[in-house]
């Protein structure tokens, strides 16, 4: 790619003439009636300089010696590759911070809250499943490179036990001090008790995002089989069990409830931790 080299070429950009006629498309001529649309010098210069500006932006030196005509394509690829991009995941429970990378002013964030623990069984009643944490997703623009944004990843809820102890809720997740978006963890069903543990827990939900989803409710304990764990959105819940409950699948899945196939009380299991993923 190079500017035109010719004895008739101008060494400087020549101003376009006054624009007259129709703004539109090239048209064919009709012999004896009309002429084809003319390619004027100013239009050819415009196309040439548009292409040269792509090379200049990418720092590619124009070359007239090459026989593979790919300098514009190479320049576009270089410009795209220079755009800052990446991802950072926070997959353990706790408080963290995200630093906006250099050259970045917009990010996309996904968060999952923690799933709740599941219920222990009694010797005759199977335990209900834990519930999935909520989920939210948001594009955040107008950020300042180097800015530090706090975030929290919710813990998975604790298992119910035969002590008897009820399971606990999943922890909430959030991004930003505002926050920009947040999600509640799987909730312990207030109508379920250690003496009658069959009903599953209730799902958490996202808020503040461009998309906000509920997790899955915990399944009912039926017969001797513990209830299924509710899913975290786009994640799995705990499969049900005939005996001890099974932990929820990350991110944000609820645990499965405990079963009692041999008239033995069994413990529930813990819900899965939440997550936060940031992309730019």
C-alpha atoms as a PDB file:
ATOM      1  CA  UNK A   1       0.000   0.000   0.000  1.00  0.00           C
ATOM      2  CA  UNK A   2       1.343   3.388  -0.963  1.00  0.00           C
ATOM      3  CA  UNK A   3       0.170   6.753  -2.243  1.00  0.00           C
ATOM      4  CA  UNK A   4       0.005   7.225  -5.981  1.00  0.00           C
ATOM      5  CA  UNK A   5       3.396   7.855  -7.624  1.00  0.00           C
ATOM      6  CA  UNK A   6       3.061   9.516 -11.008  1.00  0.00           C
ATOM      7  CA  UNK A   7       4.425  12.565 -12.889  1.00  0.00           C
ATOM      8  CA  UNK A   8       0.918  14.055 -12.745  1.00  0.00           C
ATOM      9  CA  UNK A   9       0.472  13.573  -8.985  1.00  0.00           C
ATOM     10  CA  UNK A  10       0.282  16.552  -6.632  1.00  0.00           C
ATOM     11  CA  UNK A  11       2.833  16.746  -3.812  1.00  0.00           C
ATOM     12  CA  UNK A  12       0.193  18.118  -1.450  1.00  0.00           C
ATOM     13  CA  UNK A  13      -3.465  17.384  -0.838  1.00  0.00           C
ATOM     14  CA  UNK A  14      -5.586  19.311  -3.299  1.00  0.00           C
ATOM     15  CA  UNK A  15      -8.834  20.653  -1.931  1.00  0.00           C
ATOM     16  CA  UNK A  16     -11.924  19.050  -3.456  1.00  0.00           C
ATOM     17  CA  UNK A  17     -13.975  21.108  -5.872  1.00  0.00           C
ATOM     18  CA  UNK A  18     -17.389  22.390  -4.950  1.00  0.00           C
ATOM     19  CA  UNK A  19     -19.664  19.382  -4.639  1.00  0.00           C
ATOM     20  CA  UNK A  20     -22.443  19.438  -7.197  1.00  0.00           C
ATOM     21  CA  UNK A  21     -24.840  16.854  -8.475  1.00  0.00           C
ATOM     22  CA  UNK A  22     -26.253  13.840  -6.685  1.00  0.00           C
ATOM     23  CA  UNK A  23     -24.724  12.173  -3.628  1.00  0.00           C
ATOM     24  CA  UNK A  24     -25.162   8.494  -4.319  1.00  0.00           C
ATOM     25  CA  UNK A  25     -23.641   5.598  -6.224  1.00  0.00           C
ATOM     26  CA  UNK A  26     -21.593   4.991  -9.354  1.00  0.00           C
ATOM     27  CA  UNK A  27     -23.780   4.477 -12.357  1.00  0.00           C
ATOM     28  CA  UNK A  28     -23.264   3.111 -15.880  1.00  0.00           C
ATOM     29  CA  UNK A  29     -23.446   5.245 -18.971  1.00  0.00           C
ATOM     30  CA  UNK A  30     -26.011   4.829 -21.734  1.00  0.00           C
ATOM     31  CA  UNK A  31     -24.439   5.306 -25.197  1.00  0.00           C
ATOM     32  CA  UNK A  32     -25.723   8.411 -26.875  1.00  0.00           C
ATOM     33  CA  UNK A  33     -27.762   9.415 -23.831  1.00  0.00           C
ATOM     34  CA  UNK A  34     -25.625   9.724 -20.674  1.00  0.00           C
ATOM     35  CA  UNK A  35     -22.061   9.178 -19.489  1.00  0.00           C
ATOM     36  CA  UNK A  36     -20.927   6.834 -16.777  1.00  0.00           C
ATOM     37  CA  UNK A  37     -20.182   8.308 -13.366  1.00  0.00           C
ATOM     38  CA  UNK A  38     -16.679   9.779 -13.405  1.00  0.00           C
ATOM     39  CA  UNK A  39     -14.083   8.878 -10.762  1.00  0.00           C
ATOM     40  CA  UNK A  40     -12.799  12.332  -9.886  1.00  0.00           C
ATOM     41  CA  UNK A  41      -9.380  13.055  -8.403  1.00  0.00           C
ATOM     42  CA  UNK A  42     -10.763  14.203  -5.080  1.00  0.00           C
ATOM     43  CA  UNK A  43     -12.730  10.985  -4.590  1.00  0.00           C
ATOM     44  CA  UNK A  44      -9.686   8.810  -5.370  1.00  0.00           C
ATOM     45  CA  UNK A  45      -7.627  10.906  -2.940  1.00  0.00           C
ATOM     46  CA  UNK A  46     -10.240  10.400  -0.241  1.00  0.00           C
ATOM     47  CA  UNK A  47     -10.126   6.612  -0.633  1.00  0.00           C
ATOM     48  CA  UNK A  48      -6.337   6.610  -0.708  1.00  0.00           C
ATOM     49  CA  UNK A  49      -6.026   8.697   2.468  1.00  0.00           C
ATOM     50  CA  UNK A  50      -8.625   6.656   4.338  1.00  0.00           C
ATOM     51  CA  UNK A  51      -6.508   3.557   3.707  1.00  0.00           C
ATOM     52  CA  UNK A  52      -3.245   5.340   4.531  1.00  0.00           C
ATOM     53  CA  UNK A  53      -4.700   6.492   7.858  1.00  0.00           C
ATOM     54  CA  UNK A  54      -5.242   2.853   8.851  1.00  0.00           C
ATOM     55  CA  UNK A  55      -1.562   2.106   8.210  1.00  0.00           C
ATOM     56  CA  UNK A  56      -0.499   5.211  10.140  1.00  0.00           C
ATOM     57  CA  UNK A  57      -2.658   4.322  13.149  1.00  0.00           C
ATOM     58  CA  UNK A  58      -1.079   0.852  13.283  1.00  0.00           C
ATOM     59  CA  UNK A  59       2.465   2.157  12.781  1.00  0.00           C
ATOM     60  CA  UNK A  60       2.877   0.217   9.528  1.00  0.00           C
ATOM     61  CA  UNK A  61       5.248   1.772   6.994  1.00  0.00           C
ATOM     62  CA  UNK A  62       3.745   2.009   3.515  1.00  0.00           C
ATOM     63  CA  UNK A  63       5.561  -0.203   0.994  1.00  0.00           C
ATOM     64  CA  UNK A  64       5.456  -0.220  -2.805  1.00  0.00           C
ATOM     65  CA  UNK A  65       7.858  -3.137  -3.237  1.00  0.00           C
ATOM     66  CA  UNK A  66       5.660  -5.925  -1.897  1.00  0.00           C
ATOM     67  CA  UNK A  67       3.657  -8.200  -4.160  1.00  0.00           C
ATOM     68  CA  UNK A  68       1.330  -9.451  -1.413  1.00  0.00           C
ATOM     69  CA  UNK A  69      -1.222  -6.742  -0.905  1.00  0.00           C
ATOM     70  CA  UNK A  70      -2.100  -7.171   2.763  1.00  0.00           C
ATOM     71  CA  UNK A  71      -0.880  -4.034   4.535  1.00  0.00           C
ATOM     72  CA  UNK A  72      -4.383  -2.765   5.264  1.00  0.00           C
ATOM     73  CA  UNK A  73      -5.435  -6.169   6.629  1.00  0.00           C
ATOM     74  CA  UNK A  74      -2.235  -6.402   8.679  1.00  0.00           C
ATOM     75  CA  UNK A  75      -2.822  -2.925  10.080  1.00  0.00           C
ATOM     76  CA  UNK A  76      -6.402  -3.723  11.081  1.00  0.00           C
ATOM     77  CA  UNK A  77      -5.267  -6.915  12.811  1.00  0.00           C
ATOM     78  CA  UNK A  78      -2.568  -4.982  14.690  1.00  0.00           C
ATOM     79  CA  UNK A  79      -5.061  -2.346  15.823  1.00  0.00           C
ATOM     80  CA  UNK A  80      -7.503  -4.985  17.082  1.00  0.00           C
ATOM     81  CA  UNK A  81      -4.718  -6.878  18.837  1.00  0.00           C
ATOM     82  CA  UNK A  82      -3.609  -3.704  20.606  1.00  0.00           C
ATOM     83  CA  UNK A  83      -6.991  -3.241  22.272  1.00  0.00           C
ATOM     84  CA  UNK A  84      -6.597  -4.215  25.953  1.00  0.00           C
ATOM     85  CA  UNK A  85      -8.490  -7.433  26.656  1.00  0.00           C
ATOM     86  CA  UNK A  86      -8.499 -10.170  29.225  1.00  0.00           C
ATOM     87  CA  UNK A  87     -10.421 -11.732  32.087  1.00  0.00           C
ATOM     88  CA  UNK A  88     -10.020 -12.205  35.830  1.00  0.00           C
ATOM     89  CA  UNK A  89     -11.949 -14.728  37.919  1.00  0.00           C
ATOM     90  CA  UNK A  90     -12.505 -14.732  41.675  1.00  0.00           C
ATOM     91  CA  UNK A  91     -13.586 -18.239  42.662  1.00  0.00           C
ATOM     92  CA  UNK A  92     -13.107 -18.321  46.413  1.00  0.00           C
ATOM     93  CA  UNK A  93     -15.229 -16.738  49.126  1.00  0.00           C
ATOM     94  CA  UNK A  94     -14.212 -13.412  50.605  1.00  0.00           C
ATOM     95  CA  UNK A  95     -13.626  -9.725  49.953  1.00  0.00           C
ATOM     96  CA  UNK A  96     -11.356  -8.802  47.040  1.00  0.00           C
ATOM     97  CA  UNK A  97     -10.631  -5.888  44.727  1.00  0.00           C
ATOM     98  CA  UNK A  98     -10.363  -5.477  40.972  1.00  0.00           C
ATOM     99  CA  UNK A  99      -8.032  -2.901  39.453  1.00  0.00           C
ATOM    100  CA  UNK A 100      -9.149  -1.488  36.114  1.00  0.00           C
ATOM    101  CA  UNK A 101      -6.330  -2.251  33.640  1.00  0.00           C
ATOM    102  CA  UNK A 102      -4.466   0.421  31.717  1.00  0.00           C
ATOM    103  CA  UNK A 103      -6.353   1.602  28.650  1.00  0.00           C
ATOM    104  CA  UNK A 104      -9.633   0.057  29.834  1.00  0.00           C
ATOM    105  CA  UNK A 105     -12.766   2.102  30.507  1.00  0.00           C
ATOM    106  CA  UNK A 106     -15.480  -0.560  30.171  1.00  0.00           C
ATOM    107  CA  UNK A 107     -15.817  -4.051  31.608  1.00  0.00           C
ATOM    108  CA  UNK A 108     -18.366  -6.858  31.774  1.00  0.00           C
ATOM    109  CA  UNK A 109     -19.014  -8.467  35.150  1.00  0.00           C
ATOM    110  CA  UNK A 110     -20.770 -11.701  36.119  1.00  0.00           C
ATOM    111  CA  UNK A 111     -21.450 -12.658  39.731  1.00  0.00           C
ATOM    112  CA  UNK A 112     -22.915 -15.741  41.402  1.00  0.00           C
ATOM    113  CA  UNK A 113     -23.896 -15.821  45.070  1.00  0.00           C
ATOM    114  CA  UNK A 114     -23.266 -18.852  47.270  1.00  0.00           C
ATOM    115  CA  UNK A 115     -25.657 -21.795  47.370  1.00  0.00           C
ATOM    116  CA  UNK A 116     -27.307 -22.816  50.630  1.00  0.00           C
ATOM    117  CA  UNK A 117     -26.526 -25.958  52.589  1.00  0.00           C
ATOM    118  CA  UNK A 118     -28.992 -28.857  52.638  1.00  0.00           C
ATOM    119  CA  UNK A 119     -31.030 -30.437  55.408  1.00  0.00           C
ATOM    120  CA  UNK A 120     -30.030 -33.500  57.388  1.00  0.00           C
ATOM    121  CA  UNK A 121     -32.528 -36.318  57.455  1.00  0.00           C
ATOM    122  CA  UNK A 122     -34.227 -37.813  60.457  1.00  0.00           C
ATOM    123  CA  UNK A 123     -34.545 -41.567  60.742  1.00  0.00           C
ATOM    124  CA  UNK A 124     -37.849 -41.377  58.870  1.00  0.00           C
ATOM    125  CA  UNK A 125     -37.871 -38.115  56.847  1.00  0.00           C
ATOM    126  CA  UNK A 126     -35.430 -37.301  54.038  1.00  0.00           C
ATOM    127  CA  UNK A 127     -33.831 -33.860  54.014  1.00  0.00           C
ATOM    128  CA  UNK A 128     -34.701 -31.113  51.563  1.00  0.00           C
ATOM    129  CA  UNK A 129     -32.151 -29.815  49.106  1.00  0.00           C
ATOM    130  CA  UNK A 130     -30.155 -26.612  49.363  1.00  0.00           C
ATOM    131  CA  UNK A 131     -30.910 -23.760  46.967  1.00  0.00           C
ATOM    132  CA  UNK A 132     -28.860 -22.005  44.323  1.00  0.00           C
ATOM    133  CA  UNK A 133     -27.505 -18.495  44.713  1.00  0.00           C
ATOM    134  CA  UNK A 134     -28.637 -15.685  42.431  1.00  0.00           C
ATOM    135  CA  UNK A 135     -26.788 -14.367  39.378  1.00  0.00           C
ATOM    136  CA  UNK A 136     -26.328 -10.959  37.771  1.00  0.00           C
ATOM    137  CA  UNK A 137     -24.450  -9.736  34.704  1.00  0.00           C
ATOM    138  CA  UNK A 138     -23.674  -6.145  33.737  1.00  0.00           C
ATOM    139  CA  UNK A 139     -21.594  -4.073  31.332  1.00  0.00           C
ATOM    140  CA  UNK A 140     -20.042  -1.148  33.199  1.00  0.00           C
ATOM    141  CA  UNK A 141     -18.672   1.803  31.229  1.00  0.00           C
ATOM    142  CA  UNK A 142     -17.065   5.135  32.080  1.00  0.00           C
ATOM    143  CA  UNK A 143     -14.383   3.636  34.341  1.00  0.00           C
ATOM    144  CA  UNK A 144     -10.980   5.155  35.027  1.00  0.00           C
ATOM    145  CA  UNK A 145      -7.897   2.997  34.352  1.00  0.00           C
ATOM    146  CA  UNK A 146      -6.197   2.186  37.639  1.00  0.00           C
ATOM    147  CA  UNK A 147      -9.386   2.548  39.676  1.00  0.00           C
ATOM    148  CA  UNK A 148      -9.767  -0.080  42.420  1.00  0.00           C
ATOM    149  CA  UNK A 149     -13.225  -1.619  42.723  1.00  0.00           C
ATOM    150  CA  UNK A 150     -14.170  -3.716  45.768  1.00  0.00           C
ATOM    151  CA  UNK A 151     -16.033  -6.983  45.342  1.00  0.00           C
ATOM    152  CA  UNK A 152     -17.365  -9.791  47.505  1.00  0.00           C
ATOM    153  CA  UNK A 153     -17.798 -13.473  46.623  1.00  0.00           C
ATOM    154  CA  UNK A 154     -20.409 -15.246  48.714  1.00  0.00           C
ATOM    155  CA  UNK A 155     -19.552 -18.326  50.749  1.00  0.00           C
ATOM    156  CA  UNK A 156     -21.447 -21.570  50.369  1.00  0.00           C
ATOM    157  CA  UNK A 157     -23.899 -22.253  53.174  1.00  0.00           C
ATOM    158  CA  UNK A 158     -23.065 -24.833  55.858  1.00  0.00           C
ATOM    159  CA  UNK A 159     -24.597 -28.280  55.968  1.00  0.00           C
ATOM    160  CA  UNK A 160     -27.455 -29.215  58.226  1.00  0.00           C
ATOM    161  CA  UNK A 161     -26.482 -31.922  60.706  1.00  0.00           C
ATOM    162  CA  UNK A 162     -28.137 -34.572  62.799  1.00  0.00           C
ATOM    163  CA  UNK A 163     -27.121 -32.703  65.995  1.00  0.00           C
ATOM    164  CA  UNK A 164     -29.742 -31.405  65.014  1.00  0.00           C
ATOM    165  CA  UNK A 165     -28.548 -28.178  63.362  1.00  0.00           C
ATOM    166  CA  UNK A 166     -30.256 -26.419  60.460  1.00  0.00           C
ATOM    167  CA  UNK A 167     -28.253 -25.549  57.320  1.00  0.00           C
ATOM    168  CA  UNK A 168     -27.245 -21.959  56.657  1.00  0.00           C
ATOM    169  CA  UNK A 169     -27.876 -19.618  53.754  1.00  0.00           C
ATOM    170  CA  UNK A 170     -25.393 -18.946  50.997  1.00  0.00           C
ATOM    171  CA  UNK A 171     -23.467 -15.693  51.167  1.00  0.00           C
ATOM    172  CA  UNK A 172     -24.291 -12.703  48.975  1.00  0.00           C
ATOM    173  CA  UNK A 173     -21.946 -11.550  46.201  1.00  0.00           C
ATOM    174  CA  UNK A 174     -21.501  -7.981  44.971  1.00  0.00           C
ATOM    175  CA  UNK A 175     -19.318  -5.846  42.713  1.00  0.00           C
ATOM    176  CA  UNK A 176     -18.583  -2.209  43.484  1.00  0.00           C
ATOM    177  CA  UNK A 177     -19.154  -0.076  46.549  1.00  0.00           C
ATOM    178  CA  UNK A 178     -22.567   1.011  45.235  1.00  0.00           C
ATOM    179  CA  UNK A 179     -22.778  -1.777  44.295  1.00  0.00           C
ATOM    180  CA  UNK A 180     -22.951  -1.901  40.513  1.00  0.00           C
ATOM    181  CA  UNK A 181     -24.606  -5.319  40.793  1.00  0.00           C
ATOM    182  CA  UNK A 182     -25.263  -7.905  43.480  1.00  0.00           C
ATOM    183  CA  UNK A 183     -26.875 -11.275  44.137  1.00  0.00           C
ATOM    184  CA  UNK A 184     -28.338 -12.907  47.238  1.00  0.00           C
ATOM    185  CA  UNK A 185     -27.343 -16.380  48.335  1.00  0.00           C
ATOM    186  CA  UNK A 186     -29.623 -19.386  48.549  1.00  0.00           C
ATOM    187  CA  UNK A 187     -32.109 -18.837  51.406  1.00  0.00           C
ATOM    188  CA  UNK A 188     -33.016 -21.272  54.187  1.00  0.00           C
ATOM    189  CA  UNK A 189     -36.703 -22.157  53.994  1.00  0.00           C
ATOM    190  CA  UNK A 190     -38.329 -20.705  57.117  1.00  0.00           C
ATOM    191  CA  UNK A 191     -41.047 -23.372  57.105  1.00  0.00           C
ATOM    192  CA  UNK A 192     -38.570 -26.282  57.221  1.00  0.00           C
ATOM    193  CA  UNK A 193     -37.340 -27.576  60.570  1.00  0.00           C
ATOM    194  CA  UNK A 194     -34.842 -30.138  61.796  1.00  0.00           C
ATOM    195  CA  UNK A 195     -37.763 -32.242  62.961  1.00  0.00           C
ATOM    196  CA  UNK A 196     -39.522 -32.057  59.594  1.00  0.00           C
ATOM    197  CA  UNK A 197     -36.719 -31.358  57.099  1.00  0.00           C
ATOM    198  CA  UNK A 198     -38.291 -32.481  53.828  1.00  0.00           C
ATOM    199  CA  UNK A 199     -38.955 -29.080  52.188  1.00  0.00           C
ATOM    200  CA  UNK A 200     -36.115 -27.610  50.130  1.00  0.00           C
ATOM    201  CA  UNK A 201     -34.598 -24.176  50.518  1.00  0.00           C
ATOM    202  CA  UNK A 202     -35.407 -21.119  48.393  1.00  0.00           C
ATOM    203  CA  UNK A 203     -33.335 -19.536  45.638  1.00  0.00           C
ATOM    204  CA  UNK A 204     -31.351 -16.312  45.733  1.00  0.00           C
ATOM    205  CA  UNK A 205     -31.667 -13.678  42.992  1.00  0.00           C
ATOM    206  CA  UNK A 206     -29.489 -11.135  41.213  1.00  0.00           C
ATOM    207  CA  UNK A 207     -30.118  -7.381  41.107  1.00  0.00           C
ATOM    208  CA  UNK A 208     -28.685  -4.295  39.449  1.00  0.00           C
ATOM    209  CA  UNK A 209     -27.467  -6.149  36.364  1.00  0.00           C
ATOM    210  CA  UNK A 210     -28.452  -5.958  32.729  1.00  0.00           C
ATOM    211  CA  UNK A 211     -29.510  -9.569  33.393  1.00  0.00           C
ATOM    212  CA  UNK A 212     -30.681 -10.814  36.792  1.00  0.00           C
ATOM    213  CA  UNK A 213     -31.514 -14.486  37.384  1.00  0.00           C
ATOM    214  CA  UNK A 214     -32.822 -16.606  40.225  1.00  0.00           C
ATOM    215  CA  UNK A 215     -30.976 -19.727  41.236  1.00  0.00           C
ATOM    216  CA  UNK A 216     -32.884 -22.983  41.569  1.00  0.00           C
ATOM    217  CA  UNK A 217     -35.003 -23.883  44.604  1.00  0.00           C
ATOM    218  CA  UNK A 218     -33.950 -26.933  46.576  1.00  0.00           C
ATOM    219  CA  UNK A 219     -35.860 -30.124  45.862  1.00  0.00           C
ATOM    220  CA  UNK A 220     -38.261 -31.845  48.233  1.00  0.00           C
ATOM    221  CA  UNK A 221     -37.054 -34.872  50.150  1.00  0.00           C
ATOM    222  CA  UNK A 222     -39.278 -37.753  49.007  1.00  0.00           C
ATOM    223  CA  UNK A 223     -39.483 -41.136  50.652  1.00  0.00           C
ATOM    224  CA  UNK A 224     -35.970 -42.097  51.664  1.00  0.00           C
ATOM    225  CA  UNK A 225     -34.265 -39.886  49.032  1.00  0.00           C
ATOM    226  CA  UNK A 226     -32.939 -36.431  49.837  1.00  0.00           C
ATOM    227  CA  UNK A 227     -34.037 -33.508  47.685  1.00  0.00           C
ATOM    228  CA  UNK A 228     -32.003 -32.301  44.719  1.00  0.00           C
ATOM    229  CA  UNK A 229     -29.818 -29.268  45.221  1.00  0.00           C
ATOM    230  CA  UNK A 230     -30.957 -26.182  43.318  1.00  0.00           C
ATOM    231  CA  UNK A 231     -28.708 -24.990  40.497  1.00  0.00           C
ATOM    232  CA  UNK A 232     -26.768 -21.793  40.417  1.00  0.00           C
ATOM    233  CA  UNK A 233     -27.627 -20.090  37.081  1.00  0.00           C
ATOM    234  CA  UNK A 234     -25.550 -21.734  34.328  1.00  0.00           C
ATOM    235  CA  UNK A 235     -24.109 -24.085  36.950  1.00  0.00           C
ATOM    236  CA  UNK A 236     -25.101 -27.387  38.517  1.00  0.00           C
ATOM    237  CA  UNK A 237     -26.816 -28.199  41.789  1.00  0.00           C
ATOM    238  CA  UNK A 238     -26.026 -31.179  43.977  1.00  0.00           C
ATOM    239  CA  UNK A 239     -27.434 -34.526  42.773  1.00  0.00           C
ATOM    240  CA  UNK A 240     -29.666 -36.188  45.321  1.00  0.00           C
ATOM    241  CA  UNK A 241     -28.364 -38.895  47.569  1.00  0.00           C
ATOM    242  CA  UNK A 242     -29.697 -41.940  49.355  1.00  0.00           C
ATOM    243  CA  UNK A 243     -27.604 -41.201  52.429  1.00  0.00           C
ATOM    244  CA  UNK A 244     -25.417 -38.188  53.273  1.00  0.00           C
ATOM    245  CA  UNK A 245     -26.137 -35.089  51.211  1.00  0.00           C
ATOM    246  CA  UNK A 246     -23.780 -34.087  48.411  1.00  0.00           C
ATOM    247  CA  UNK A 247     -22.144 -30.651  48.147  1.00  0.00           C
ATOM    248  CA  UNK A 248     -23.407 -28.175  45.572  1.00  0.00           C
ATOM    249  CA  UNK A 249     -21.527 -27.613  42.348  1.00  0.00           C
ATOM    250  CA  UNK A 250     -19.728 -24.312  41.876  1.00  0.00           C
ATOM    251  CA  UNK A 251     -20.527 -21.634  41.225  1.00  0.00           C
ATOM    252  CA  UNK A 252     -23.458 -21.136  43.545  1.00  0.00           C
ATOM    253  CA  UNK A 253     -25.120 -24.546  43.491  1.00  0.00           C
ATOM    254  CA  UNK A 254     -27.181 -25.804  46.420  1.00  0.00           C
ATOM    255  CA  UNK A 255     -26.330 -29.077  48.161  1.00  0.00           C
ATOM    256  CA  UNK A 256     -28.536 -32.144  47.932  1.00  0.00           C
ATOM    257  CA  UNK A 257     -30.471 -33.228  50.992  1.00  0.00           C
ATOM    258  CA  UNK A 258     -29.690 -36.289  53.080  1.00  0.00           C
ATOM    259  CA  UNK A 259     -31.597 -39.536  52.683  1.00  0.00           C
ATOM    260  CA  UNK A 260     -32.610 -42.187  55.212  1.00  0.00           C
ATOM    261  CA  UNK A 261     -32.883 -45.551  53.399  1.00  0.00           C
ATOM    262  CA  UNK A 262     -31.944 -47.634  56.442  1.00  0.00           C
ATOM    263  CA  UNK A 263     -33.844 -45.627  59.063  1.00  0.00           C
ATOM    264  CA  UNK A 264     -30.591 -43.816  59.859  1.00  0.00           C
ATOM    265  CA  UNK A 265     -30.337 -40.055  60.158  1.00  0.00           C
ATOM    266  CA  UNK A 266     -27.666 -38.548  57.864  1.00  0.00           C
ATOM    267  CA  UNK A 267     -26.057 -35.144  57.555  1.00  0.00           C
ATOM    268  CA  UNK A 268     -26.759 -32.712  54.777  1.00  0.00           C
ATOM    269  CA  UNK A 269     -23.971 -31.038  52.787  1.00  0.00           C
ATOM    270  CA  UNK A 270     -22.537 -27.586  52.118  1.00  0.00           C
ATOM    271  CA  UNK A 271     -23.602 -25.284  49.313  1.00  0.00           C
ATOM    272  CA  UNK A 272     -21.102 -24.160  46.698  1.00  0.00           C
ATOM    273  CA  UNK A 273     -19.170 -20.924  46.844  1.00  0.00           C
ATOM    274  CA  UNK A 274     -20.145 -18.126  44.485  1.00  0.00           C
ATOM    275  CA  UNK A 275     -17.943 -16.485  41.875  1.00  0.00           C
ATOM    276  CA  UNK A 276     -17.123 -13.218  40.128  1.00  0.00           C
ATOM    277  CA  UNK A 277     -15.751 -12.997  36.585  1.00  0.00           C
ATOM    278  CA  UNK A 278     -14.581  -9.709  35.072  1.00  0.00           C
ATOM    279  CA  UNK A 279     -13.874  -9.377  31.330  1.00  0.00           C
ATOM    280  CA  UNK A 280     -12.501  -6.466  29.303  1.00  0.00           C
END
